[in-house]
């Protein structure tokens, strides 16, 4: 048998009671074992979780007798709406060999499939693989903080780079930029699951930017530095395969 202990924490109040699914998969992603239940076998409903509180949950999985020893396995943990089976989030934990010689611990990266309310909702498609669903923007005297929300329309095939350019609209000259994989390269696009929502915050320093009014442009490019086609909500391709975000960005202006 396999004893699994999960530690949950709610970032905000949860209105619904979600179901949880534990799935053991082998190195070929073949499902070997599944358990669908409620958190705490029904005694830890998610609607009672308090933000910031650590909720510890334990499950016992009866392993099949025909499990090949020494193979590599991973555990997939999903939260979903019990009535509709709609996924709320999922995490992959592994890889590990069975039987375990020592306890295996993993810090899960939760996959999100729902979009929170955004200050600036968008619908821009990049190459039919990734959608920019919206963004939030904050600014102080030192920097610009742009939080982007992406959605994988399908599982991306490549490792794409996100470019964010602050530019002068009169000359199109870039005054400060960021070119990096999502979350500074720590969560490459080829790891995204179909339908997954991925947020990242890009910080642009403003200390060396001259006083003036600027615009922000965002897009994606592949390993050959070829930009992915950017298609606006009206179905038209955007110039230079970039989306120019409103509003204007003022630097040093009172």
Foldseek 3Di string as FASTA:
>chain_A
DDKDKDKDADQAADQAFWKKKKFKAFPVRDTQFMDIAGFQNPPCTSNPHHHPDIDMGMDDTDGDPPPDFPTWMKMKMWIAHPVPRHTAWIWIGDTDTPPDPDDDDDDTDIWGQDDDDAPFAFFKDFQQFKTFGTWHWDDDQWKIKIKTKMAGQAQDPAFKWKKKFKADVVVRHGPWIDIATAQRPPQTSNPDHRSTIDMGIDITTCPPPDFDKTWMKMFIDGPVRHTTFMAGPVRDTDPPRIDIDDDIDGHPDD
